[in-house]
């Protein structure tokens, strides 16, 4: 059984850093991460505003819009900082979680009687946290694989 794990670890396709399909994600310490942070902040702000104020039909208030904008900027900068630090899988999995969360938030918007509003926001938060957790697990697995190789 142990020999099977060693073969898997030594397999070149298992290595994440050199894989071709991850080449579109910038390398660690690249300036591109801060461009990604800015673009993803704007896109996430617009997506949240659209779902909350258009799909849910909430009245526009500057206080809520500002809070949603701060929330989006915080997540975008935090995830880009993780990517800049070398956590490319963490960034990727977390952004997939954000995308799935936005879809769930839009789907659960329904009649917006009050509970749908809370459920949609809660589902968004759960998907973000799930994506973050999956990203952390993948990064830990890859760190373990790198450690075993040495």
Foldseek 3Di string as FASTA:
>chain_A
DVVVVVVCLPDPCNADVPDPVLVVQDAAQDPVLVVQLVVQLVVQLVLVCCQVCPLLVDDDDPVVSVVSSVVSSVVSVVLSNCVNHGLSLLSVLLVVLQVVLSVQLNVLSPNNPPVSNVVSVVSNVVSNVVSNVVSVVVVVVNVVSVVVVD
